[in-house]
Amino acid sequence: MGVYYEVIPPSLQTWIMDQKCFWVGSAPLSGKGHINISPKGGQYFGIIDEKTFWYQDLSGSGNETISHLHEPGNGRIVIMFNAFEGPPKIVRLWGYGRVLEYGTPAFKSHVEQYKVNTIPGTRSIIMVDIHQVGGSCGWSVPYYDFKDYRPVLNDFFEKKQKKFEEGAEKEDMDRYWAWKSAWSMDGLPGMKRGLEVGKREHIEPLKKMVGPLAPKNGFVHSDGFTLEQVIVVFIVAFIAGIMAVTLSPAALKNVLALVPGHSRNAVWLPKSLR
């Protein structure tokens, strides 16, 4: 049944590196935001040591994981592997993620040090600093035979890069990232490179959510007071302070009497105004 570790044991490290796919889970800080689960296929991942996992983040229409990891105070992430052949097994890696975006010194350093094969469309390297590892039975997971990796994504970006190199400027990956990777579905800022190019070249980002509840890009959900509410409270308090200084007690009593729900017996009022 369930077994937990603070690090990835050597036996699990070997098993993890034999897997053909895994799942990534993350979420924004706000409870109003959306949880994201992304499947990842191919041999685009690795283990640096018993507490550090990484994977190669390829471009796509979504950008949730990067946005959640960039969100101040967030960074939570979980990686899940499960066996489709042999003995049943599920392994989860919990930790905090860091984004090494394409073109940054940190990205280049990682690629050089670990000999990463960066294929066209590589968007970033996601580093996971692990603080908990969990293994569970996976008895209900069905058997599946691995046939092959899908070549569709790799072929798409190889053709895109070739067109760009032949002079088609619209095929530039920076423009693609500005269109699809600059914002999350909850309106959180995503890939920094995409944001910069989008702003500089006035590229309209892809609209990801529909309906009346779809958030605007740059609007951060809050489970507490919104910025607008804080501003209103500040203005009301400021006006009340001026009135308290400039109006006579009798005049102030008349003003307070107009406030809905006001009680002259409120304990927070001075005796002279009750």
C-alpha atoms as a PDB file:
ATOM      1  CA  MET A   1       0.000   0.000   0.000  1.00  0.00           C
ATOM      2  CA  GLY A   2       1.111   3.613   0.472  1.00  0.00           C
ATOM      3  CA  VAL A   3       4.761   4.292   1.332  1.00  0.00           C
ATOM      4  CA  TYR A   4       6.296   7.759   1.731  1.00  0.00           C
ATOM      5  CA  TYR A   5       9.867   9.025   1.517  1.00  0.00           C
ATOM      6  CA  GLU A   6      11.630  12.376   1.781  1.00  0.00           C
ATOM      7  CA  VAL A   7      13.816  11.494  -1.214  1.00  0.00           C
ATOM      8  CA  ILE A   8      13.604   9.308  -4.318  1.00  0.00           C
ATOM      9  CA  PRO A   9      15.059   5.897  -3.353  1.00  0.00           C
ATOM     10  CA  PRO A  10      17.535   4.402  -5.877  1.00  0.00           C
ATOM     11  CA  SER A  11      15.082   1.620  -6.774  1.00  0.00           C
ATOM     12  CA  LEU A  12      12.395   4.164  -7.691  1.00  0.00           C
ATOM     13  CA  GLN A  13      14.865   6.290  -9.646  1.00  0.00           C
ATOM     14  CA  THR A  14      15.564   3.353 -11.960  1.00  0.00           C
ATOM     15  CA  TRP A  15      11.847   2.589 -12.331  1.00  0.00           C
ATOM     16  CA  ILE A  16      10.983   6.250 -13.054  1.00  0.00           C
ATOM     17  CA  MET A  17      13.537   6.509 -15.843  1.00  0.00           C
ATOM     18  CA  ASP A  18      12.024   3.436 -17.521  1.00  0.00           C
ATOM     19  CA  GLN A  19       8.571   5.026 -17.850  1.00  0.00           C
ATOM     20  CA  LYS A  20       7.198   6.317 -21.145  1.00  0.00           C
ATOM     21  CA  CYS A  21       4.912   9.062 -19.810  1.00  0.00           C
ATOM     22  CA  PHE A  22       3.923  10.976 -16.683  1.00  0.00           C
ATOM     23  CA  TRP A  23       1.421  13.577 -15.478  1.00  0.00           C
ATOM     24  CA  VAL A  24       2.030  17.068 -14.083  1.00  0.00           C
ATOM     25  CA  GLY A  25      -0.406  18.685 -11.638  1.00  0.00           C
ATOM     26  CA  SER A  26      -0.462  22.319 -10.464  1.00  0.00           C
ATOM     27  CA  ALA A  27      -2.950  25.022  -9.488  1.00  0.00           C
ATOM     28  CA  PRO A  28      -3.154  28.776  -8.837  1.00  0.00           C
ATOM     29  CA  LEU A  29      -3.223  30.011  -5.248  1.00  0.00           C
ATOM     30  CA  SER A  30      -6.824  31.185  -5.469  1.00  0.00           C
ATOM     31  CA  GLY A  31      -9.583  28.666  -4.881  1.00  0.00           C
ATOM     32  CA  LYS A  32     -11.417  30.353  -7.760  1.00  0.00           C
ATOM     33  CA  GLY A  33      -8.698  29.310 -10.184  1.00  0.00           C
ATOM     34  CA  HIS A  34      -8.519  26.053 -12.104  1.00  0.00           C
ATOM     35  CA  ILE A  35      -6.509  22.952 -11.268  1.00  0.00           C
ATOM     36  CA  ASN A  36      -4.425  21.736 -14.200  1.00  0.00           C
ATOM     37  CA  ILE A  37      -3.239  18.233 -15.097  1.00  0.00           C
ATOM     38  CA  SER A  38      -1.000  17.781 -18.131  1.00  0.00           C
ATOM     39  CA  PRO A  39       0.203  14.489 -19.658  1.00  0.00           C
ATOM     40  CA  LYS A  40       3.810  14.357 -20.822  1.00  0.00           C
ATOM     41  CA  GLY A  41       5.195  11.741 -23.189  1.00  0.00           C
ATOM     42  CA  GLY A  42       8.638  10.904 -24.469  1.00  0.00           C
ATOM     43  CA  GLN A  43      12.063  10.643 -22.897  1.00  0.00           C
ATOM     44  CA  TYR A  44      12.240  14.347 -22.030  1.00  0.00           C
ATOM     45  CA  PHE A  45      12.908  14.132 -18.311  1.00  0.00           C
ATOM     46  CA  GLY A  46      15.597  13.218 -15.824  1.00  0.00           C
ATOM     47  CA  ILE A  47      16.682  12.904 -12.192  1.00  0.00           C
ATOM     48  CA  ILE A  48      19.634  15.013 -11.074  1.00  0.00           C
ATOM     49  CA  ASP A  49      19.784  13.642  -7.535  1.00  0.00           C
ATOM     50  CA  GLU A  50      17.486  12.109  -4.931  1.00  0.00           C
ATOM     51  CA  LYS A  51      15.643  15.421  -4.404  1.00  0.00           C
ATOM     52  CA  THR A  52      15.689  17.027  -7.863  1.00  0.00           C
ATOM     53  CA  PHE A  53      13.613  16.079 -10.912  1.00  0.00           C
ATOM     54  CA  TRP A  54      13.419  17.937 -14.236  1.00  0.00           C
ATOM     55  CA  TYR A  55      11.488  17.701 -17.469  1.00  0.00           C
ATOM     56  CA  GLN A  56      11.615  19.387 -20.838  1.00  0.00           C
ATOM     57  CA  ASP A  57       8.552  21.604 -21.352  1.00  0.00           C
ATOM     58  CA  LEU A  58       7.472  21.497 -24.999  1.00  0.00           C
ATOM     59  CA  SER A  59       5.265  24.175 -26.574  1.00  0.00           C
ATOM     60  CA  GLY A  60       1.526  23.724 -26.839  1.00  0.00           C
ATOM     61  CA  SER A  61      -1.729  25.641 -26.614  1.00  0.00           C
ATOM     62  CA  GLY A  62      -1.714  25.548 -22.804  1.00  0.00           C
ATOM     63  CA  ASN A  63       0.568  27.363 -20.391  1.00  0.00           C
ATOM     64  CA  GLU A  64      -0.821  26.541 -16.964  1.00  0.00           C
ATOM     65  CA  THR A  65       2.185  24.971 -15.243  1.00  0.00           C
ATOM     66  CA  ILE A  66       4.550  27.839 -16.087  1.00  0.00           C
ATOM     67  CA  SER A  67       1.964  30.374 -14.877  1.00  0.00           C
ATOM     68  CA  HIS A  68       1.446  28.570 -11.572  1.00  0.00           C
ATOM     69  CA  LEU A  69       5.173  28.258 -10.957  1.00  0.00           C
ATOM     70  CA  HIS A  70       5.749  31.949 -11.761  1.00  0.00           C
ATOM     71  CA  GLU A  71       2.905  33.073  -9.468  1.00  0.00           C
ATOM     72  CA  PRO A  72       4.399  34.825  -6.387  1.00  0.00           C
ATOM     73  CA  GLY A  73       4.050  32.617  -3.308  1.00  0.00           C
ATOM     74  CA  ASN A  74       3.041  29.580  -5.357  1.00  0.00           C
ATOM     75  CA  GLY A  75       5.284  27.112  -7.198  1.00  0.00           C
ATOM     76  CA  ARG A  76       3.495  23.955  -5.969  1.00  0.00           C
ATOM     77  CA  ILE A  77       3.729  20.986  -8.317  1.00  0.00           C
ATOM     78  CA  VAL A  78       3.271  17.222  -8.341  1.00  0.00           C
ATOM     79  CA  ILE A  79       4.588  14.690 -10.854  1.00  0.00           C
ATOM     80  CA  MET A  80       2.838  11.317 -11.163  1.00  0.00           C
ATOM     81  CA  PHE A  81       4.051   8.129 -12.821  1.00  0.00           C
ATOM     82  CA  ASN A  82       2.166   4.845 -13.010  1.00  0.00           C
ATOM     83  CA  ALA A  83       2.953   1.397 -14.375  1.00  0.00           C
ATOM     84  CA  PHE A  84       1.018   0.129 -17.405  1.00  0.00           C
ATOM     85  CA  GLU A  85       2.982  -3.125 -17.573  1.00  0.00           C
ATOM     86  CA  GLY A  86       4.618  -5.397 -15.015  1.00  0.00           C
ATOM     87  CA  PRO A  87       3.835  -5.078 -11.292  1.00  0.00           C
ATOM     88  CA  PRO A  88       1.314  -2.329 -10.439  1.00  0.00           C
ATOM     89  CA  LYS A  89       2.840   0.876  -9.100  1.00  0.00           C
ATOM     90  CA  ILE A  90       2.049   4.591  -8.759  1.00  0.00           C
ATOM     91  CA  VAL A  91       4.699   7.142  -7.752  1.00  0.00           C
ATOM     92  CA  ARG A  92       4.124  10.825  -6.980  1.00  0.00           C
ATOM     93  CA  LEU A  93       6.791  13.484  -6.540  1.00  0.00           C
ATOM     94  CA  TRP A  94       5.638  16.548  -4.576  1.00  0.00           C
ATOM     95  CA  GLY A  95       7.673  19.729  -4.505  1.00  0.00           C
ATOM     96  CA  TYR A  96       8.154  23.277  -5.725  1.00  0.00           C
ATOM     97  CA  GLY A  97       8.972  24.035  -9.315  1.00  0.00           C
ATOM     98  CA  ARG A  98      11.276  26.501 -11.043  1.00  0.00           C
ATOM     99  CA  VAL A  99      11.040  27.570 -14.677  1.00  0.00           C
ATOM    100  CA  LEU A 100      14.220  27.815 -16.746  1.00  0.00           C
ATOM    101  CA  GLU A 101      12.879  29.593 -19.817  1.00  0.00           C
ATOM    102  CA  TYR A 102      14.322  29.047 -23.260  1.00  0.00           C
ATOM    103  CA  GLY A 103      17.214  31.392 -24.000  1.00  0.00           C
ATOM    104  CA  THR A 104      18.021  32.277 -20.381  1.00  0.00           C
ATOM    105  CA  PRO A 105      21.498  31.615 -18.913  1.00  0.00           C
ATOM    106  CA  ALA A 106      19.982  29.063 -16.505  1.00  0.00           C
ATOM    107  CA  PHE A 107      18.361  27.193 -19.402  1.00  0.00           C
ATOM    108  CA  LYS A 108      21.567  27.147 -21.435  1.00  0.00           C
ATOM    109  CA  SER A 109      23.604  25.998 -18.438  1.00  0.00           C
ATOM    110  CA  HIS A 110      21.256  23.092 -17.725  1.00  0.00           C
ATOM    111  CA  VAL A 111      21.185  22.004 -21.367  1.00  0.00           C
ATOM    112  CA  GLU A 112      24.982  22.032 -21.585  1.00  0.00           C
ATOM    113  CA  GLN A 113      25.601  20.344 -18.236  1.00  0.00           C
ATOM    114  CA  TYR A 114      23.116  17.496 -18.723  1.00  0.00           C
ATOM    115  CA  LYS A 115      23.436  17.146 -22.511  1.00  0.00           C
ATOM    116  CA  VAL A 116      19.735  17.785 -23.108  1.00  0.00           C
ATOM    117  CA  ASN A 117      18.522  17.288 -26.664  1.00  0.00           C
ATOM    118  CA  THR A 118      16.449  20.445 -27.161  1.00  0.00           C
ATOM    119  CA  ILE A 119      14.113  19.801 -30.054  1.00  0.00           C
ATOM    120  CA  PRO A 120      12.317  22.616 -31.955  1.00  0.00           C
ATOM    121  CA  GLY A 121       9.503  24.024 -29.824  1.00  0.00           C
ATOM    122  CA  THR A 122      11.264  23.473 -26.497  1.00  0.00           C
ATOM    123  CA  ARG A 123       9.788  26.162 -24.260  1.00  0.00           C
ATOM    124  CA  SER A 124      11.572  25.660 -20.955  1.00  0.00           C
ATOM    125  CA  ILE A 125      13.103  23.247 -18.476  1.00  0.00           C
ATOM    126  CA  ILE A 126      10.944  22.685 -15.382  1.00  0.00           C
ATOM    127  CA  MET A 127      12.980  21.939 -12.271  1.00  0.00           C
ATOM    128  CA  VAL A 128      11.241  20.290  -9.305  1.00  0.00           C
ATOM    129  CA  ASP A 129      12.761  20.525  -5.821  1.00  0.00           C
ATOM    130  CA  ILE A 130      11.182  17.512  -4.128  1.00  0.00           C
ATOM    131  CA  HIS A 131      10.180  17.403  -0.466  1.00  0.00           C
ATOM    132  CA  GLN A 132       7.976  14.291  -0.510  1.00  0.00           C
ATOM    133  CA  VAL A 133       7.756  11.075  -2.534  1.00  0.00           C
ATOM    134  CA  GLY A 134       4.778   8.738  -2.349  1.00  0.00           C
ATOM    135  CA  GLY A 135       4.347   5.224  -3.680  1.00  0.00           C
ATOM    136  CA  SER A 136       0.986   3.458  -3.862  1.00  0.00           C
ATOM    137  CA  CYS A 137      -0.369   0.186  -5.210  1.00  0.00           C
ATOM    138  CA  GLY A 138      -2.032   1.084  -8.513  1.00  0.00           C
ATOM    139  CA  TRP A 139      -3.956  -2.194  -8.449  1.00  0.00           C
ATOM    140  CA  SER A 140      -6.866  -0.776 -10.468  1.00  0.00           C
ATOM    141  CA  VAL A 141      -4.724   0.720 -13.265  1.00  0.00           C
ATOM    142  CA  PRO A 142      -5.239  -1.383 -16.431  1.00  0.00           C
ATOM    143  CA  TYR A 143      -2.506  -2.958 -18.528  1.00  0.00           C
ATOM    144  CA  TYR A 144      -1.492  -1.172 -21.724  1.00  0.00           C
ATOM    145  CA  ASP A 145       1.116  -2.155 -24.285  1.00  0.00           C
ATOM    146  CA  PHE A 146       3.426   0.643 -25.395  1.00  0.00           C
ATOM    147  CA  LYS A 147       3.369   0.972 -29.190  1.00  0.00           C
ATOM    148  CA  ASP A 148       5.358   4.124 -29.979  1.00  0.00           C
ATOM    149  CA  TYR A 149       5.682   7.829 -29.257  1.00  0.00           C
ATOM    150  CA  ARG A 150       3.478  10.145 -31.298  1.00  0.00           C
ATOM    151  CA  PRO A 151       5.602  12.194 -33.734  1.00  0.00           C
ATOM    152  CA  VAL A 152       2.926  14.854 -34.428  1.00  0.00           C
ATOM    153  CA  LEU A 153       4.152  17.597 -32.046  1.00  0.00           C
ATOM    154  CA  ASN A 154       7.815  17.175 -32.978  1.00  0.00           C
ATOM    155  CA  ASP A 155       7.000  17.192 -36.702  1.00  0.00           C
ATOM    156  CA  PHE A 156       4.846  20.307 -36.338  1.00  0.00           C
ATOM    157  CA  PHE A 157       7.582  22.391 -34.721  1.00  0.00           C
ATOM    158  CA  GLU A 158      10.320  21.054 -36.975  1.00  0.00           C
ATOM    159  CA  LYS A 159       8.317  22.259 -39.995  1.00  0.00           C
ATOM    160  CA  LYS A 160       7.578  25.549 -38.255  1.00  0.00           C
ATOM    161  CA  GLN A 161      11.268  26.175 -37.580  1.00  0.00           C
ATOM    162  CA  LYS A 162      12.219  25.254 -41.150  1.00  0.00           C
ATOM    163  CA  LYS A 163       9.687  27.752 -42.537  1.00  0.00           C
ATOM    164  CA  PHE A 164      11.043  30.459 -40.239  1.00  0.00           C
ATOM    165  CA  GLU A 165      14.628  29.769 -41.322  1.00  0.00           C
ATOM    166  CA  GLU A 166      13.485  30.055 -44.937  1.00  0.00           C
ATOM    167  CA  GLY A 167      12.175  33.567 -44.279  1.00  0.00           C
ATOM    168  CA  ALA A 168       8.600  33.199 -42.979  1.00  0.00           C
ATOM    169  CA  GLU A 169       8.726  35.611 -40.032  1.00  0.00           C
ATOM    170  CA  LYS A 170       5.225  34.710 -38.840  1.00  0.00           C
ATOM    171  CA  GLU A 171       6.559  31.247 -37.938  1.00  0.00           C
ATOM    172  CA  ASP A 172       8.841  32.722 -35.266  1.00  0.00           C
ATOM    173  CA  MET A 173       8.536  30.800 -31.968  1.00  0.00           C
ATOM    174  CA  ASP A 174       8.596  34.045 -29.973  1.00  0.00           C
ATOM    175  CA  ARG A 175       5.445  35.157 -31.756  1.00  0.00           C
ATOM    176  CA  TYR A 176       3.865  31.750 -31.117  1.00  0.00           C
ATOM    177  CA  TRP A 177       4.692  32.018 -27.399  1.00  0.00           C
ATOM    178  CA  ALA A 178       3.278  35.554 -27.280  1.00  0.00           C
ATOM    179  CA  TRP A 179       0.066  34.207 -28.790  1.00  0.00           C
ATOM    180  CA  LYS A 180      -0.376  30.995 -26.793  1.00  0.00           C
ATOM    181  CA  SER A 181       2.016  30.971 -23.822  1.00  0.00           C
ATOM    182  CA  ALA A 182       1.868  34.490 -22.375  1.00  0.00           C
ATOM    183  CA  TRP A 183      -1.220  33.991 -20.185  1.00  0.00           C
ATOM    184  CA  SER A 184      -2.952  31.174 -18.338  1.00  0.00           C
ATOM    185  CA  MET A 185      -6.643  30.309 -18.607  1.00  0.00           C
ATOM    186  CA  ASP A 186      -7.166  32.165 -15.295  1.00  0.00           C
ATOM    187  CA  GLY A 187      -5.467  35.313 -16.595  1.00  0.00           C
ATOM    188  CA  LEU A 188      -2.180  34.750 -14.770  1.00  0.00           C
ATOM    189  CA  PRO A 189       1.006  35.905 -16.547  1.00  0.00           C
ATOM    190  CA  GLY A 190       2.860  33.004 -18.101  1.00  0.00           C
ATOM    191  CA  MET A 191       6.022  32.737 -20.152  1.00  0.00           C
ATOM    192  CA  LYS A 192       8.031  35.927 -19.593  1.00  0.00           C
ATOM    193  CA  ARG A 193       9.526  35.824 -23.066  1.00  0.00           C
ATOM    194  CA  GLY A 194       6.041  35.550 -24.569  1.00  0.00           C
ATOM    195  CA  LEU A 195       4.801  38.491 -22.510  1.00  0.00           C
ATOM    196  CA  GLU A 196       7.689  40.700 -23.599  1.00  0.00           C
ATOM    197  CA  VAL A 197       7.306  39.892 -27.297  1.00  0.00           C
ATOM    198  CA  GLY A 198       3.529  40.250 -27.162  1.00  0.00           C
ATOM    199  CA  LYS A 199       3.805  43.693 -25.626  1.00  0.00           C
ATOM    200  CA  ARG A 200       6.557  44.815 -27.974  1.00  0.00           C
ATOM    201  CA  GLU A 201       4.910  43.557 -31.165  1.00  0.00           C
ATOM    202  CA  HIS A 202       1.277  44.126 -30.099  1.00  0.00           C
ATOM    203  CA  ILE A 203       0.298  40.476 -30.480  1.00  0.00           C
ATOM    204  CA  GLU A 204      -3.215  39.643 -29.304  1.00  0.00           C
ATOM    205  CA  PRO A 205      -3.038  36.591 -26.988  1.00  0.00           C
ATOM    206  CA  LEU A 206      -5.198  33.534 -27.515  1.00  0.00           C
ATOM    207  CA  LYS A 207      -8.537  33.751 -25.689  1.00  0.00           C
ATOM    208  CA  LYS A 208      -8.621  30.597 -23.571  1.00  0.00           C
ATOM    209  CA  MET A 209     -11.826  30.768 -21.533  1.00  0.00           C
ATOM    210  CA  VAL A 210     -15.322  31.643 -22.695  1.00  0.00           C
ATOM    211  CA  GLY A 211     -18.505  32.811 -21.019  1.00  0.00           C
ATOM    212  CA  PRO A 212     -19.333  35.563 -18.518  1.00  0.00           C
ATOM    213  CA  LEU A 213     -16.965  34.208 -15.853  1.00  0.00           C
ATOM    214  CA  ALA A 214     -13.907  34.179 -18.108  1.00  0.00           C
ATOM    215  CA  PRO A 215     -11.233  36.336 -16.405  1.00  0.00           C
ATOM    216  CA  LYS A 216      -9.310  39.133 -18.039  1.00  0.00           C
ATOM    217  CA  ASN A 217      -5.567  38.715 -18.480  1.00  0.00           C
ATOM    218  CA  GLY A 218      -3.771  40.343 -15.589  1.00  0.00           C
ATOM    219  CA  PHE A 219      -6.723  40.009 -13.215  1.00  0.00           C
ATOM    220  CA  VAL A 220      -5.681  37.966 -10.192  1.00  0.00           C
ATOM    221  CA  HIS A 221      -8.400  36.012  -8.428  1.00  0.00           C
ATOM    222  CA  SER A 222      -8.582  36.557  -4.692  1.00  0.00           C
ATOM    223  CA  ASP A 223     -10.228  34.524  -1.965  1.00  0.00           C
ATOM    224  CA  GLY A 224     -10.231  37.572   0.324  1.00  0.00           C
ATOM    225  CA  PHE A 225     -10.843  41.260  -0.364  1.00  0.00           C
ATOM    226  CA  THR A 226     -10.456  42.459  -3.941  1.00  0.00           C
ATOM    227  CA  LEU A 227      -8.372  45.528  -4.748  1.00  0.00           C
ATOM    228  CA  GLU A 228     -11.562  47.446  -5.559  1.00  0.00           C
ATOM    229  CA  GLN A 229     -13.021  46.629  -2.141  1.00  0.00           C
ATOM    230  CA  VAL A 230      -9.866  47.775  -0.368  1.00  0.00           C
ATOM    231  CA  ILE A 231      -9.923  51.082  -2.292  1.00  0.00           C
ATOM    232  CA  VAL A 232     -13.585  51.704  -1.407  1.00  0.00           C
ATOM    233  CA  VAL A 233     -12.936  51.044   2.296  1.00  0.00           C
ATOM    234  CA  PHE A 234      -9.939  53.398   2.225  1.00  0.00           C
ATOM    235  CA  ILE A 235     -11.960  56.195   0.582  1.00  0.00           C
ATOM    236  CA  VAL A 236     -14.839  55.803   3.030  1.00  0.00           C
ATOM    237  CA  ALA A 237     -12.455  55.803   6.005  1.00  0.00           C
ATOM    238  CA  PHE A 238     -10.665  58.887   4.640  1.00  0.00           C
ATOM    239  CA  ILE A 239     -13.915  60.818   4.197  1.00  0.00           C
ATOM    240  CA  ALA A 240     -15.118  59.743   7.626  1.00  0.00           C
ATOM    241  CA  GLY A 241     -11.861  61.011   9.138  1.00  0.00           C
ATOM    242  CA  ILE A 242     -12.279  64.439   7.518  1.00  0.00           C
ATOM    243  CA  MET A 243     -15.888  64.653   8.664  1.00  0.00           C
ATOM    244  CA  ALA A 244     -14.924  63.731  12.210  1.00  0.00           C
ATOM    245  CA  VAL A 245     -12.441  66.604  12.299  1.00  0.00           C
ATOM    246  CA  THR A 246     -14.496  69.289  10.525  1.00  0.00           C
ATOM    247  CA  LEU A 247     -18.110  68.635  11.531  1.00  0.00           C
ATOM    248  CA  SER A 248     -19.666  69.400  14.878  1.00  0.00           C
ATOM    249  CA  PRO A 249     -20.894  66.438  16.965  1.00  0.00           C
ATOM    250  CA  ALA A 250     -24.512  67.376  16.212  1.00  0.00           C
ATOM    251  CA  ALA A 251     -23.934  67.491  12.441  1.00  0.00           C
ATOM    252  CA  LEU A 252     -21.968  64.251  12.506  1.00  0.00           C
ATOM    253  CA  LYS A 253     -24.822  62.557  14.385  1.00  0.00           C
ATOM    254  CA  ASN A 254     -27.193  63.532  11.583  1.00  0.00           C
ATOM    255  CA  VAL A 255     -24.802  62.128   8.940  1.00  0.00           C
ATOM    256  CA  LEU A 256     -24.363  58.860  10.814  1.00  0.00           C
ATOM    257  CA  ALA A 257     -28.135  58.514  11.129  1.00  0.00           C
ATOM    258  CA  LEU A 258     -28.261  58.238   7.300  1.00  0.00           C
ATOM    259  CA  VAL A 259     -25.863  55.270   7.243  1.00  0.00           C
ATOM    260  CA  PRO A 260     -27.819  51.997   6.696  1.00  0.00           C
ATOM    261  CA  GLY A 261     -27.637  49.730   9.737  1.00  0.00           C
ATOM    262  CA  HIS A 262     -26.115  52.446  11.929  1.00  0.00           C
ATOM    263  CA  SER A 263     -26.852  52.207  15.624  1.00  0.00           C
ATOM    264  CA  ARG A 264     -26.353  55.047  18.090  1.00  0.00           C
ATOM    265  CA  ASN A 265     -25.404  52.399  20.635  1.00  0.00           C
ATOM    266  CA  ALA A 266     -22.450  51.121  18.589  1.00  0.00           C
ATOM    267  CA  VAL A 267     -19.619  50.481  21.038  1.00  0.00           C
ATOM    268  CA  TRP A 268     -17.000  51.774  18.621  1.00  0.00           C
ATOM    269  CA  LEU A 269     -18.500  55.297  18.596  1.00  0.00           C
ATOM    270  CA  PRO A 270     -17.427  57.960  21.099  1.00  0.00           C
ATOM    271  CA  LYS A 271     -20.055  58.615  23.799  1.00  0.00           C
ATOM    272  CA  SER A 272     -20.607  62.116  22.411  1.00  0.00           C
ATOM    273  CA  LEU A 273     -21.911  60.628  19.116  1.00  0.00           C
ATOM    274  CA  ARG A 274     -24.159  57.878  20.495  1.00  0.00           C
END
